[in-house]
Amino acid sequence: MAVYKGGWKAIKINKNLYSLQAIYNAAYTFLGKAYIVIDEDEKYYIAYVKSKGGASIDDIELEFGNQLINYERYFASLKENNEVAKLIIQRALFSSSPKFIQEAEEKEIEELIKELEAEDE
């Protein structure tokens, strides 16, 4: 990575590997240690980083990479657990009102009938 005039360092971040949301969250963790400007080109997000104090710019770059992985994994986990959370909420709602269970069963029966009718055609 290139070090620019005034101690700024450019960290290229592949757009196919990391979300902008993960980059902002990773950058946020460094607000006390570094100045950070986020930019982009066609293939990369680019984080321009400059140390605020005694921290080594190379150490900041390495820690920034770790934070990117941390936040990207966090957001991936949220997506993975989204369906489970929906099911838990649905079960909680269904258990509080038998009316919801009956409506869900009726809807499921209607969908099964439609599928069977579509198969017969």
PDB file of N, CA and C in Angstrom:
ATOM      1  N   MET A   1       0.830  -1.180   0.000  1.00  0.00           N
ATOM      2  CA  MET A   1       0.000   0.000   0.000  1.00  0.00           C
ATOM      3  C   MET A   1       0.878   1.248   0.000  1.00  0.00           C
ATOM      4  N   ALA A   2       0.418   2.230  -0.665  1.00  0.00           N
ATOM      5  CA  ALA A   2       1.209   3.444  -0.835  1.00  0.00           C
ATOM      6  C   ALA A   2       1.040   4.389   0.353  1.00  0.00           C
ATOM      7  N   VAL A   3       2.129   5.005   0.768  1.00  0.00           N
ATOM      8  CA  VAL A   3       2.073   6.059   1.777  1.00  0.00           C
ATOM      9  C   VAL A   3       2.195   7.389   1.033  1.00  0.00           C
ATOM     10  N   TYR A   4       1.253   8.284   1.297  1.00  0.00           N
ATOM     11  CA  TYR A   4       1.205   9.549   0.582  1.00  0.00           C
ATOM     12  C   TYR A   4       1.775  10.680   1.414  1.00  0.00           C
ATOM     13  N   LYS A   5       1.884  11.810   0.791  1.00  0.00           N
ATOM     14  CA  LYS A   5       2.362  13.032   1.422  1.00  0.00           C
ATOM     15  C   LYS A   5       1.600  13.278   2.730  1.00  0.00           C
ATOM     16  N   GLY A   6       2.324  13.664   3.728  1.00  0.00           N
ATOM     17  CA  GLY A   6       1.683  13.988   5.002  1.00  0.00           C
ATOM     18  C   GLY A   6       1.364  12.772   5.854  1.00  0.00           C
ATOM     19  N   GLY A   7       1.867  11.613   5.486  1.00  0.00           N
ATOM     20  CA  GLY A   7       1.660  10.413   6.303  1.00  0.00           C
ATOM     21  C   GLY A   7       0.370   9.661   6.054  1.00  0.00           C
ATOM     22  N   TRP A   8      -0.371   9.996   5.013  1.00  0.00           N
ATOM     23  CA  TRP A   8      -1.600   9.278   4.676  1.00  0.00           C
ATOM     24  C   TRP A   8      -1.253   7.967   3.981  1.00  0.00           C
ATOM     25  N   LYS A   9      -1.991   6.922   4.286  1.00  0.00           N
ATOM     26  CA  LYS A   9      -1.786   5.620   3.662  1.00  0.00           C
ATOM     27  C   LYS A   9      -3.111   5.178   3.040  1.00  0.00           C
ATOM     28  N   ALA A  10      -3.042   4.652   1.814  1.00  0.00           N
ATOM     29  CA  ALA A  10      -4.247   4.170   1.119  1.00  0.00           C
ATOM     30  C   ALA A  10      -4.373   2.665   1.330  1.00  0.00           C
ATOM     31  N   ILE A  11      -5.545   2.253   1.822  1.00  0.00           N
ATOM     32  CA  ILE A  11      -5.831   0.831   1.993  1.00  0.00           C
ATOM     33  C   ILE A  11      -6.943   0.479   1.014  1.00  0.00           C
ATOM     34  N   LYS A  12      -6.612  -0.343   0.002  1.00  0.00           N
ATOM     35  CA  LYS A  12      -7.613  -0.757  -0.981  1.00  0.00           C
ATOM     36  C   LYS A  12      -8.403  -1.934  -0.426  1.00  0.00           C
ATOM     37  N   ILE A  13      -9.725  -1.868  -0.569  1.00  0.00           N
ATOM     38  CA  ILE A  13     -10.619  -2.888  -0.022  1.00  0.00           C
ATOM     39  C   ILE A  13     -11.516  -3.378  -1.152  1.00  0.00           C
ATOM     40  N   ASN A  14     -11.418  -4.644  -1.474  1.00  0.00           N
ATOM     41  CA  ASN A  14     -12.164  -5.234  -2.584  1.00  0.00           C
ATOM     42  C   ASN A  14     -13.672  -5.147  -2.335  1.00  0.00           C
ATOM     43  N   LYS A  15     -14.397  -4.553  -3.281  1.00  0.00           N
ATOM     44  CA  LYS A  15     -15.849  -4.399  -3.153  1.00  0.00           C
ATOM     45  C   LYS A  15     -16.586  -5.736  -3.151  1.00  0.00           C
ATOM     46  N   ASN A  16     -15.984  -6.767  -3.761  1.00  0.00           N
ATOM     47  CA  ASN A  16     -16.627  -8.079  -3.801  1.00  0.00           C
ATOM     48  C   ASN A  16     -16.501  -8.828  -2.477  1.00  0.00           C
ATOM     49  N   LEU A  17     -15.600  -8.405  -1.622  1.00  0.00           N
ATOM     50  CA  LEU A  17     -15.365  -9.119  -0.366  1.00  0.00           C
ATOM     51  C   LEU A  17     -15.970  -8.429   0.852  1.00  0.00           C
ATOM     52  N   TYR A  18     -16.051  -7.098   0.829  1.00  0.00           N
ATOM     53  CA  TYR A  18     -16.485  -6.358   2.008  1.00  0.00           C
ATOM     54  C   TYR A  18     -17.588  -5.367   1.656  1.00  0.00           C
ATOM     55  N   SER A  19     -18.545  -5.255   2.550  1.00  0.00           N
ATOM     56  CA  SER A  19     -19.629  -4.300   2.355  1.00  0.00           C
ATOM     57  C   SER A  19     -19.202  -2.927   2.870  1.00  0.00           C
ATOM     58  N   LEU A  20     -19.840  -1.903   2.343  1.00  0.00           N
ATOM     59  CA  LEU A  20     -19.561  -0.539   2.798  1.00  0.00           C
ATOM     60  C   LEU A  20     -19.935  -0.392   4.273  1.00  0.00           C
ATOM     61  N   GLN A  21     -20.963  -1.091   4.677  1.00  0.00           N
ATOM     62  CA  GLN A  21     -21.395  -1.064   6.079  1.00  0.00           C
ATOM     63  C   GLN A  21     -20.284  -1.589   6.998  1.00  0.00           C
ATOM     64  N   ALA A  22     -19.636  -2.675   6.607  1.00  0.00           N
ATOM     65  CA  ALA A  22     -18.528  -3.226   7.398  1.00  0.00           C
ATOM     66  C   ALA A  22     -17.356  -2.249   7.438  1.00  0.00           C
ATOM     67  N   ILE A  23     -17.101  -1.582   6.328  1.00  0.00           N
ATOM     68  CA  ILE A  23     -15.992  -0.622   6.267  1.00  0.00           C
ATOM     69  C   ILE A  23     -16.247   0.560   7.194  1.00  0.00           C
ATOM     70  N   TYR A  24     -17.457   1.100   7.179  1.00  0.00           N
ATOM     71  CA  TYR A  24     -17.774   2.213   8.067  1.00  0.00           C
ATOM     72  C   TYR A  24     -17.650   1.802   9.529  1.00  0.00           C
ATOM     73  N   ASN A  25     -18.118   0.612   9.865  1.00  0.00           N
ATOM     74  CA  ASN A  25     -18.017   0.150  11.249  1.00  0.00           C
ATOM     75  C   ASN A  25     -16.573  -0.070  11.664  1.00  0.00           C
ATOM     76  N   ALA A  26     -15.772  -0.647  10.775  1.00  0.00           N
ATOM     77  CA  ALA A  26     -14.349  -0.830  11.077  1.00  0.00           C
ATOM     78  C   ALA A  26     -13.673   0.526  11.253  1.00  0.00           C
ATOM     79  N   ALA A  27     -13.971   1.466  10.368  1.00  0.00           N
ATOM     80  CA  ALA A  27     -13.373   2.801  10.454  1.00  0.00           C
ATOM     81  C   ALA A  27     -13.770   3.497  11.757  1.00  0.00           C
ATOM     82  N   TYR A  28     -14.998   3.304  12.176  1.00  0.00           N
ATOM     83  CA  TYR A  28     -15.493   3.936  13.399  1.00  0.00           C
ATOM     84  C   TYR A  28     -14.662   3.537  14.615  1.00  0.00           C
ATOM     85  N   THR A  29     -14.183   2.287  14.644  1.00  0.00           N
ATOM     86  CA  THR A  29     -13.398   1.827  15.788  1.00  0.00           C
ATOM     87  C   THR A  29     -12.041   2.519  15.879  1.00  0.00           C
ATOM     88  N   PHE A  30     -11.622   3.207  14.813  1.00  0.00           N
ATOM     89  CA  PHE A  30     -10.321   3.869  14.787  1.00  0.00           C
ATOM     90  C   PHE A  30     -10.399   5.380  14.934  1.00  0.00           C
ATOM     91  N   LEU A  31     -11.551   5.915  15.227  1.00  0.00           N
ATOM     92  CA  LEU A  31     -11.678   7.369  15.294  1.00  0.00           C
ATOM     93  C   LEU A  31     -10.766   7.994  16.343  1.00  0.00           C
ATOM     94  N   GLY A  32     -10.441   7.266  17.390  1.00  0.00           N
ATOM     95  CA  GLY A  32      -9.537   7.793  18.411  1.00  0.00           C
ATOM     96  C   GLY A  32      -8.069   7.699  18.024  1.00  0.00           C
ATOM     97  N   LYS A  33      -7.738   6.776  17.101  1.00  0.00           N
ATOM     98  CA  LYS A  33      -6.336   6.540  16.729  1.00  0.00           C
ATOM     99  C   LYS A  33      -5.926   7.156  15.404  1.00  0.00           C
ATOM    100  N   ALA A  34      -6.902   7.360  14.519  1.00  0.00           N
ATOM    101  CA  ALA A  34      -6.532   7.752  13.154  1.00  0.00           C
ATOM    102  C   ALA A  34      -7.597   8.634  12.517  1.00  0.00           C
ATOM    103  N   TYR A  35      -7.137   9.394  11.534  1.00  0.00           N
ATOM    104  CA  TYR A  35      -8.043  10.111  10.645  1.00  0.00           C
ATOM    105  C   TYR A  35      -8.317   9.162   9.490  1.00  0.00           C
ATOM    106  N   ILE A  36      -9.564   9.050   9.069  1.00  0.00           N
ATOM    107  CA  ILE A  36      -9.915   8.113   8.009  1.00  0.00           C
ATOM    108  C   ILE A  36     -10.857   8.794   7.023  1.00  0.00           C
ATOM    109  N   VAL A  37     -10.539   8.653   5.735  1.00  0.00           N
ATOM    110  CA  VAL A  37     -11.394   9.135   4.662  1.00  0.00           C
ATOM    111  C   VAL A  37     -11.681   7.947   3.758  1.00  0.00           C
ATOM    112  N   ILE A  38     -12.954   7.726   3.452  1.00  0.00           N
ATOM    113  CA  ILE A  38     -13.353   6.602   2.609  1.00  0.00           C
ATOM    114  C   ILE A  38     -13.684   7.119   1.217  1.00  0.00           C
ATOM    115  N   ASP A  39     -13.163   6.436   0.194  1.00  0.00           N
ATOM    116  CA  ASP A  39     -13.415   6.778  -1.199  1.00  0.00           C
ATOM    117  C   ASP A  39     -13.603   5.470  -1.954  1.00  0.00           C
ATOM    118  N   GLU A  40     -13.829   5.553  -3.252  1.00  0.00           N
ATOM    119  CA  GLU A  40     -13.975   4.333  -4.042  1.00  0.00           C
ATOM    120  C   GLU A  40     -13.590   4.573  -5.489  1.00  0.00           C
ATOM    121  N   ASP A  41     -13.245   3.470  -6.158  1.00  0.00           N
ATOM    122  CA  ASP A  41     -13.103   3.476  -7.606  1.00  0.00           C
ATOM    123  C   ASP A  41     -13.955   2.316  -8.115  1.00  0.00           C
ATOM    124  N   GLU A  42     -13.731   1.856  -9.331  1.00  0.00           N
ATOM    125  CA  GLU A  42     -14.597   0.815  -9.901  1.00  0.00           C
ATOM    126  C   GLU A  42     -14.523  -0.512  -9.148  1.00  0.00           C
ATOM    127  N   LYS A  43     -13.340  -0.915  -8.710  1.00  0.00           N
ATOM    128  CA  LYS A  43     -13.167  -2.223  -8.079  1.00  0.00           C
ATOM    129  C   LYS A  43     -13.013  -2.183  -6.567  1.00  0.00           C
ATOM    130  N   TYR A  44     -12.585  -1.037  -6.034  1.00  0.00           N
ATOM    131  CA  TYR A  44     -12.198  -0.992  -4.628  1.00  0.00           C
ATOM    132  C   TYR A  44     -12.845   0.170  -3.885  1.00  0.00           C
ATOM    133  N   TYR A  45     -13.064  -0.065  -2.582  1.00  0.00           N
ATOM    134  CA  TYR A  45     -13.240   1.032  -1.649  1.00  0.00           C
ATOM    135  C   TYR A  45     -11.817   1.359  -1.210  1.00  0.00           C
ATOM    136  N   ILE A  46     -11.546   2.616  -0.951  1.00  0.00           N
ATOM    137  CA  ILE A  46     -10.209   3.008  -0.538  1.00  0.00           C
ATOM    138  C   ILE A  46     -10.328   3.794   0.769  1.00  0.00           C
ATOM    139  N   ALA A  47      -9.656   3.285   1.791  1.00  0.00           N
ATOM    140  CA  ALA A  47      -9.612   3.976   3.077  1.00  0.00           C
ATOM    141  C   ALA A  47      -8.267   4.690   3.155  1.00  0.00           C
ATOM    142  N   TYR A  48      -8.301   6.009   3.185  1.00  0.00           N
ATOM    143  CA  TYR A  48      -7.092   6.801   3.387  1.00  0.00           C
ATOM    144  C   TYR A  48      -6.969   7.014   4.892  1.00  0.00           C
ATOM    145  N   VAL A  49      -5.840   6.578   5.442  1.00  0.00           N
ATOM    146  CA  VAL A  49      -5.668   6.559   6.891  1.00  0.00           C
ATOM    147  C   VAL A  49      -4.415   7.334   7.276  1.00  0.00           C
ATOM    148  N   LYS A  50      -4.540   8.113   8.371  1.00  0.00           N
ATOM    149  CA  LYS A  50      -3.390   8.842   8.915  1.00  0.00           C
ATOM    150  C   LYS A  50      -3.452   8.736  10.432  1.00  0.00           C
ATOM    151  N   SER A  51      -2.346   8.360  11.023  1.00  0.00           N
ATOM    152  CA  SER A  51      -2.281   8.202  12.479  1.00  0.00           C
ATOM    153  C   SER A  51      -2.465   9.546  13.178  1.00  0.00           C
ATOM    154  N   LYS A  52      -3.212   9.531  14.293  1.00  0.00           N
ATOM    155  CA  LYS A  52      -3.413  10.753  15.079  1.00  0.00           C
ATOM    156  C   LYS A  52      -2.303  10.962  16.098  1.00  0.00           C
ATOM    157  N   GLY A  53      -1.619   9.904  16.439  1.00  0.00           N
ATOM    158  CA  GLY A  53      -0.615  10.050  17.500  1.00  0.00           C
ATOM    159  C   GLY A  53       0.527   9.089  17.284  1.00  0.00           C
ATOM    160  N   GLY A  54       0.840   8.360  18.328  1.00  0.00           N
ATOM    161  CA  GLY A  54       1.996   7.488  18.290  1.00  0.00           C
ATOM    162  C   GLY A  54       1.789   6.155  17.604  1.00  0.00           C
ATOM    163  N   ALA A  55       0.573   5.823  17.247  1.00  0.00           N
ATOM    164  CA  ALA A  55       0.319   4.523  16.635  1.00  0.00           C
ATOM    165  C   ALA A  55       0.972   4.431  15.257  1.00  0.00           C
ATOM    166  N   SER A  56       1.596   3.299  14.998  1.00  0.00           N
ATOM    167  CA  SER A  56       2.225   3.071  13.698  1.00  0.00           C
ATOM    168  C   SER A  56       1.149   2.918  12.627  1.00  0.00           C
ATOM    169  N   ILE A  57       1.365   3.548  11.488  1.00  0.00           N
ATOM    170  CA  ILE A  57       0.403   3.449  10.383  1.00  0.00           C
ATOM    171  C   ILE A  57       0.282   2.008   9.905  1.00  0.00           C
ATOM    172  N   ASP A  58       1.385   1.244   9.970  1.00  0.00           N
ATOM    173  CA  ASP A  58       1.338  -0.169   9.578  1.00  0.00           C
ATOM    174  C   ASP A  58       0.482  -0.976  10.551  1.00  0.00           C
ATOM    175  N   ASP A  59       0.604  -0.695  11.850  1.00  0.00           N
ATOM    176  CA  ASP A  59      -0.229  -1.381  12.843  1.00  0.00           C
ATOM    177  C   ASP A  59      -1.706  -1.038  12.656  1.00  0.00           C
ATOM    178  N   ILE A  60      -1.980   0.212  12.362  1.00  0.00           N
ATOM    179  CA  ILE A  60      -3.367   0.630  12.117  1.00  0.00           C
ATOM    180  C   ILE A  60      -3.924  -0.115  10.912  1.00  0.00           C
ATOM    181  N   GLU A  61      -3.118  -0.237   9.864  1.00  0.00           N
ATOM    182  CA  GLU A  61      -3.557  -0.954   8.667  1.00  0.00           C
ATOM    183  C   GLU A  61      -3.892  -2.415   8.999  1.00  0.00           C
ATOM    184  N   LEU A  62      -3.045  -3.069   9.761  1.00  0.00           N
ATOM    185  CA  LEU A  62      -3.282  -4.473  10.124  1.00  0.00           C
ATOM    186  C   LEU A  62      -4.528  -4.621  10.997  1.00  0.00           C
ATOM    187  N   GLU A  63      -4.674  -3.742  11.977  1.00  0.00           N
ATOM    188  CA  GLU A  63      -5.854  -3.777  12.848  1.00  0.00           C
ATOM    189  C   GLU A  63      -7.128  -3.470  12.059  1.00  0.00           C
ATOM    190  N   PHE A  64      -7.017  -2.551  11.119  1.00  0.00           N
ATOM    191  CA  PHE A  64      -8.169  -2.206  10.277  1.00  0.00           C
ATOM    192  C   PHE A  64      -8.633  -3.445   9.504  1.00  0.00           C
ATOM    193  N   GLY A  65      -7.680  -4.212   8.966  1.00  0.00           N
ATOM    194  CA  GLY A  65      -8.025  -5.449   8.261  1.00  0.00           C
ATOM    195  C   GLY A  65      -8.740  -6.436   9.168  1.00  0.00           C
ATOM    196  N   ASN A  66      -8.272  -6.560  10.402  1.00  0.00           N
ATOM    197  CA  ASN A  66      -8.943  -7.447  11.356  1.00  0.00           C
ATOM    198  C   ASN A  66     -10.364  -6.972  11.653  1.00  0.00           C
ATOM    199  N   GLN A  67     -10.528  -5.666  11.798  1.00  0.00           N
ATOM    200  CA  GLN A  67     -11.866  -5.129  12.069  1.00  0.00           C
ATOM    201  C   GLN A  67     -12.804  -5.332  10.874  1.00  0.00           C
ATOM    202  N   LEU A  68     -12.272  -5.236   9.666  1.00  0.00           N
ATOM    203  CA  LEU A  68     -13.091  -5.507   8.479  1.00  0.00           C
ATOM    204  C   LEU A  68     -13.642  -6.923   8.524  1.00  0.00           C
ATOM    205  N   ILE A  69     -12.778  -7.883   8.821  1.00  0.00           N
ATOM    206  CA  ILE A  69     -13.216  -9.282   8.920  1.00  0.00           C
ATOM    207  C   ILE A  69     -14.237  -9.428  10.039  1.00  0.00           C
ATOM    208  N   ASN A  70     -13.971  -8.813  11.169  1.00  0.00           N
ATOM    209  CA  ASN A  70     -14.875  -8.887  12.308  1.00  0.00           C
ATOM    210  C   ASN A  70     -16.277  -8.396  11.942  1.00  0.00           C
ATOM    211  N   TYR A  71     -16.366  -7.219  11.335  1.00  0.00           N
ATOM    212  CA  TYR A  71     -17.679  -6.654  11.021  1.00  0.00           C
ATOM    213  C   TYR A  71     -18.354  -7.361   9.850  1.00  0.00           C
ATOM    214  N   GLU A  72     -17.589  -7.801   8.872  1.00  0.00           N
ATOM    215  CA  GLU A  72     -18.212  -8.530   7.757  1.00  0.00           C
ATOM    216  C   GLU A  72     -18.818  -9.825   8.269  1.00  0.00           C
ATOM    217  N   ARG A  73     -18.120 -10.516   9.173  1.00  0.00           N
ATOM    218  CA  ARG A  73     -18.647 -11.749   9.770  1.00  0.00           C
ATOM    219  C   ARG A  73     -19.881 -11.450  10.617  1.00  0.00           C
ATOM    220  N   TYR A  74     -19.851 -10.344  11.347  1.00  0.00           N
ATOM    221  CA  TYR A  74     -20.991  -9.943  12.163  1.00  0.00           C
ATOM    222  C   TYR A  74     -22.243  -9.753  11.295  1.00  0.00           C
ATOM    223  N   PHE A  75     -22.107  -9.032  10.199  1.00  0.00           N
ATOM    224  CA  PHE A  75     -23.262  -8.788   9.333  1.00  0.00           C
ATOM    225  C   PHE A  75     -23.713 -10.064   8.621  1.00  0.00           C
ATOM    226  N   ALA A  76     -22.782 -10.941   8.278  1.00  0.00           N
ATOM    227  CA  ALA A  76     -23.143 -12.233   7.689  1.00  0.00           C
ATOM    228  C   ALA A  76     -23.936 -13.062   8.694  1.00  0.00           C
ATOM    229  N   SER A  77     -23.534 -13.024   9.962  1.00  0.00           N
ATOM    230  CA  SER A  77     -24.254 -13.754  11.013  1.00  0.00           C
ATOM    231  C   SER A  77     -25.667 -13.212  11.187  1.00  0.00           C
ATOM    232  N   LEU A  78     -25.807 -11.898  11.094  1.00  0.00           N
ATOM    233  CA  LEU A  78     -27.141 -11.309  11.199  1.00  0.00           C
ATOM    234  C   LEU A  78     -28.054 -11.837  10.100  1.00  0.00           C
ATOM    235  N   LYS A  79     -27.523 -11.912   8.874  1.00  0.00           N
ATOM    236  CA  LYS A  79     -28.311 -12.425   7.754  1.00  0.00           C
ATOM    237  C   LYS A  79     -28.675 -13.891   7.969  1.00  0.00           C
ATOM    238  N   GLU A  80     -27.698 -14.678   8.429  1.00  0.00           N
ATOM    239  CA  GLU A  80     -27.926 -16.103   8.649  1.00  0.00           C
ATOM    240  C   GLU A  80     -28.976 -16.338   9.732  1.00  0.00           C
ATOM    241  N   ASN A  81     -28.940 -15.526  10.766  1.00  0.00           N
ATOM    242  CA  ASN A  81     -29.841 -15.724  11.901  1.00  0.00           C
ATOM    243  C   ASN A  81     -31.193 -15.038  11.729  1.00  0.00           C
ATOM    244  N   ASN A  82     -31.356 -14.305  10.641  1.00  0.00           N
ATOM    245  CA  ASN A  82     -32.595 -13.575  10.402  1.00  0.00           C
ATOM    246  C   ASN A  82     -33.800 -14.512  10.340  1.00  0.00           C
ATOM    247  N   GLU A  83     -33.665 -15.628   9.620  1.00  0.00           N
ATOM    248  CA  GLU A  83     -34.781 -16.577   9.494  1.00  0.00           C
ATOM    249  C   GLU A  83     -35.127 -17.204  10.835  1.00  0.00           C
ATOM    250  N   VAL A  84     -34.124 -17.540  11.614  1.00  0.00           N
ATOM    251  CA  VAL A  84     -34.354 -18.134  12.929  1.00  0.00           C
ATOM    252  C   VAL A  84     -35.102 -17.143  13.820  1.00  0.00           C
ATOM    253  N   ALA A  85     -34.684 -15.885  13.780  1.00  0.00           N
ATOM    254  CA  ALA A  85     -35.354 -14.859  14.582  1.00  0.00           C
ATOM    255  C   ALA A  85     -36.816 -14.707  14.162  1.00  0.00           C
ATOM    256  N   LYS A  86     -37.078 -14.738  12.854  1.00  0.00           N
ATOM    257  CA  LYS A  86     -38.460 -14.654  12.360  1.00  0.00           C
ATOM    258  C   LYS A  86     -39.296 -15.810  12.900  1.00  0.00           C
ATOM    259  N   LEU A  87     -38.740 -17.028  12.848  1.00  0.00           N
ATOM    260  CA  LEU A  87     -39.475 -18.194  13.346  1.00  0.00           C
ATOM    261  C   LEU A  87     -39.774 -18.083  14.837  1.00  0.00           C
ATOM    262  N   ILE A  88     -38.810 -17.609  15.606  1.00  0.00           N
ATOM    263  CA  ILE A  88     -39.027 -17.452  17.044  1.00  0.00           C
ATOM    264  C   ILE A  88     -40.141 -16.449  17.312  1.00  0.00           C
ATOM    265  N   ILE A  89     -40.123 -15.345  16.590  1.00  0.00           N
ATOM    266  CA  ILE A  89     -41.171 -14.324  16.773  1.00  0.00           C
ATOM    267  C   ILE A  89     -42.528 -14.871  16.353  1.00  0.00           C
ATOM    268  N   GLN A  90     -42.569 -15.591  15.226  1.00  0.00           N
ATOM    269  CA  GLN A  90     -43.832 -16.180  14.783  1.00  0.00           C
ATOM    270  C   GLN A  90     -44.380 -17.157  15.811  1.00  0.00           C
ATOM    271  N   ARG A  91     -43.530 -18.002  16.344  1.00  0.00           N
ATOM    272  CA  ARG A  91     -43.988 -18.959  17.357  1.00  0.00           C
ATOM    273  C   ARG A  91     -44.502 -18.259  18.598  1.00  0.00           C
ATOM    274  N   ALA A  92     -43.825 -17.192  18.994  1.00  0.00           N
ATOM    275  CA  ALA A  92     -44.282 -16.440  20.158  1.00  0.00           C
ATOM    276  C   ALA A  92     -45.657 -15.835  19.898  1.00  0.00           C
ATOM    277  N   LEU A  93     -45.853 -15.294  18.698  1.00  0.00           N
ATOM    278  CA  LEU A  93     -47.156 -14.722  18.357  1.00  0.00           C
ATOM    279  C   LEU A  93     -48.224 -15.799  18.268  1.00  0.00           C
ATOM    280  N   PHE A  94     -47.887 -16.913  17.648  1.00  0.00           N
ATOM    281  CA  PHE A  94     -48.855 -18.002  17.504  1.00  0.00           C
ATOM    282  C   PHE A  94     -49.260 -18.569  18.861  1.00  0.00           C
ATOM    283  N   SER A  95     -48.315 -18.684  19.774  1.00  0.00           N
ATOM    284  CA  SER A  95     -48.638 -19.256  21.082  1.00  0.00           C
ATOM    285  C   SER A  95     -49.510 -18.327  21.909  1.00  0.00           C
ATOM    286  N   SER A  96     -49.439 -17.032  21.613  1.00  0.00           N
ATOM    287  CA  SER A  96     -50.251 -16.078  22.374  1.00  0.00           C
ATOM    288  C   SER A  96     -51.675 -15.980  21.843  1.00  0.00           C
ATOM    289  N   SER A  97     -51.904 -16.428  20.605  1.00  0.00           N
ATOM    290  CA  SER A  97     -53.244 -16.334  20.034  1.00  0.00           C
ATOM    291  C   SER A  97     -53.505 -17.511  19.090  1.00  0.00           C
ATOM    292  N   PRO A  98     -54.431 -18.398  19.472  1.00  0.00           N
ATOM    293  CA  PRO A  98     -54.760 -19.534  18.606  1.00  0.00           C
ATOM    294  C   PRO A  98     -55.293 -19.096  17.233  1.00  0.00           C
ATOM    295  N   LYS A  99     -55.829 -17.883  17.157  1.00  0.00           N
ATOM    296  CA  LYS A  99     -56.354 -17.366  15.897  1.00  0.00           C
ATOM    297  C   LYS A  99     -55.254 -17.323  14.834  1.00  0.00           C
ATOM    298  N   PHE A 100     -54.036 -16.915  15.233  1.00  0.00           N
ATOM    299  CA  PHE A 100     -52.907 -16.859  14.306  1.00  0.00           C
ATOM    300  C   PHE A 100     -52.563 -18.243  13.771  1.00  0.00           C
ATOM    301  N   ILE A 101     -52.626 -19.244  14.650  1.00  0.00           N
ATOM    302  CA  ILE A 101     -52.308 -20.620  14.241  1.00  0.00           C
ATOM    303  C   ILE A 101     -53.309 -21.097  13.201  1.00  0.00           C
ATOM    304  N   GLN A 102     -54.578 -20.857  13.460  1.00  0.00           N
ATOM    305  CA  GLN A 102     -55.631 -21.292  12.531  1.00  0.00           C
ATOM    306  C   GLN A 102     -55.465 -20.607  11.173  1.00  0.00           C
ATOM    307  N   GLU A 103     -55.196 -19.300  11.175  1.00  0.00           N
ATOM    308  CA  GLU A 103     -55.010 -18.584   9.912  1.00  0.00           C
ATOM    309  C   GLU A 103     -53.800 -19.109   9.143  1.00  0.00           C
ATOM    310  N   ALA A 104     -52.716 -19.395   9.851  1.00  0.00           N
ATOM    311  CA  ALA A 104     -51.508 -19.915   9.205  1.00  0.00           C
ATOM    312  C   ALA A 104     -51.758 -21.295   8.623  1.00  0.00           C
ATOM    313  N   GLU A 105     -52.491 -22.138   9.351  1.00  0.00           N
ATOM    314  CA  GLU A 105     -52.802 -23.481   8.856  1.00  0.00           C
ATOM    315  C   GLU A 105     -53.683 -23.406   7.604  1.00  0.00           C
ATOM    316  N   GLU A 106     -54.677 -22.521   7.630  1.00  0.00           N
ATOM    317  CA  GLU A 106     -55.556 -22.357   6.475  1.00  0.00           C
ATOM    318  C   GLU A 106     -54.784 -21.870   5.256  1.00  0.00           C
ATOM    319  N   LYS A 107     -53.879 -20.941   5.471  1.00  0.00           N
ATOM    320  CA  LYS A 107     -53.068 -20.425   4.377  1.00  0.00           C
ATOM    321  C   LYS A 107     -52.158 -21.520   3.816  1.00  0.00           C
ATOM    322  N   GLU A 108     -51.585 -22.323   4.693  1.00  0.00           N
ATOM    323  CA  GLU A 108     -50.707 -23.410   4.253  1.00  0.00           C
ATOM    324  C   GLU A 108     -51.499 -24.444   3.460  1.00  0.00           C
ATOM    325  N   ILE A 109     -52.719 -24.752   3.895  1.00  0.00           N
ATOM    326  CA  ILE A 109     -53.576 -25.705   3.177  1.00  0.00           C
ATOM    327  C   ILE A 109     -53.906 -25.155   1.788  1.00  0.00           C
ATOM    328  N   GLU A 110     -54.233 -23.879   1.710  1.00  0.00           N
ATOM    329  CA  GLU A 110     -54.534 -23.254   0.414  1.00  0.00           C
ATOM    330  C   GLU A 110     -53.341 -23.328  -0.528  1.00  0.00           C
ATOM    331  N   GLU A 111     -52.140 -23.094  -0.017  1.00  0.00           N
ATOM    332  CA  GLU A 111     -50.940 -23.155  -0.839  1.00  0.00           C
ATOM    333  C   GLU A 111     -50.674 -24.573  -1.325  1.00  0.00           C
ATOM    334  N   LEU A 112     -50.900 -25.564  -0.463  1.00  0.00           N
ATOM    335  CA  LEU A 112     -50.715 -26.963  -0.860  1.00  0.00           C
ATOM    336  C   LEU A 112     -51.700 -27.361  -1.948  1.00  0.00           C
ATOM    337  N   ILE A 113     -52.940 -26.913  -1.823  1.00  0.00           N
ATOM    338  CA  ILE A 113     -53.958 -27.209  -2.833  1.00  0.00           C
ATOM    339  C   ILE A 113     -53.560 -26.582  -4.172  1.00  0.00           C
ATOM    340  N   LYS A 114     -53.088 -25.354  -4.141  1.00  0.00           N
ATOM    341  CA  LYS A 114     -52.642 -24.691  -5.374  1.00  0.00           C
ATOM    342  C   LYS A 114     -51.488 -25.447  -6.011  1.00  0.00           C
ATOM    343  N   GLU A 115     -50.547 -25.923  -5.200  1.00  0.00           N
ATOM    344  CA  GLU A 115     -49.411 -26.691  -5.730  1.00  0.00           C
ATOM    345  C   GLU A 115     -49.873 -27.987  -6.372  1.00  0.00           C
ATOM    346  N   LEU A 116     -50.825 -28.668  -5.723  1.00  0.00           N
ATOM    347  CA  LEU A 116     -51.347 -29.930  -6.273  1.00  0.00           C
ATOM    348  C   LEU A 116     -52.103 -29.686  -7.586  1.00  0.00           C
ATOM    349  N   GLU A 117     -52.869 -28.620  -7.621  1.00  0.00           N
ATOM    350  CA  GLU A 117     -53.601 -28.295  -8.832  1.00  0.00           C
ATOM    351  C   GLU A 117     -52.641 -27.953  -9.975  1.00  0.00           C
ATOM    352  N   ALA A 118     -51.556 -27.254  -9.655  1.00  0.00           N
ATOM    353  CA  ALA A 118     -50.564 -26.889 -10.664  1.00  0.00           C
ATOM    354  C   ALA A 118     -49.852 -28.123 -11.198  1.00  0.00           C
ATOM    355  N   GLU A 119     -49.617 -29.129 -10.353  1.00  0.00           N
ATOM    356  CA  GLU A 119     -48.974 -30.360 -10.776  1.00  0.00           C
ATOM    357  C   GLU A 119     -49.864 -31.172 -11.702  1.00  0.00           C
ATOM    358  N   ASP A 120     -51.193 -31.108 -11.494  1.00  0.00           N
ATOM    359  CA  ASP A 120     -52.146 -31.871 -12.304  1.00  0.00           C
ATOM    360  C   ASP A 120     -52.299 -31.293 -13.708  1.00  0.00           C
ATOM    361  N   GLU A 121     -51.966 -30.030 -13.876  1.00  0.00           N
ATOM    362  CA  GLU A 121     -52.157 -29.368 -15.173  1.00  0.00           C
ATOM    363  C   GLU A 121     -51.123 -29.732 -16.167  1.00  0.00           C
TER     364      GLU A 121
END
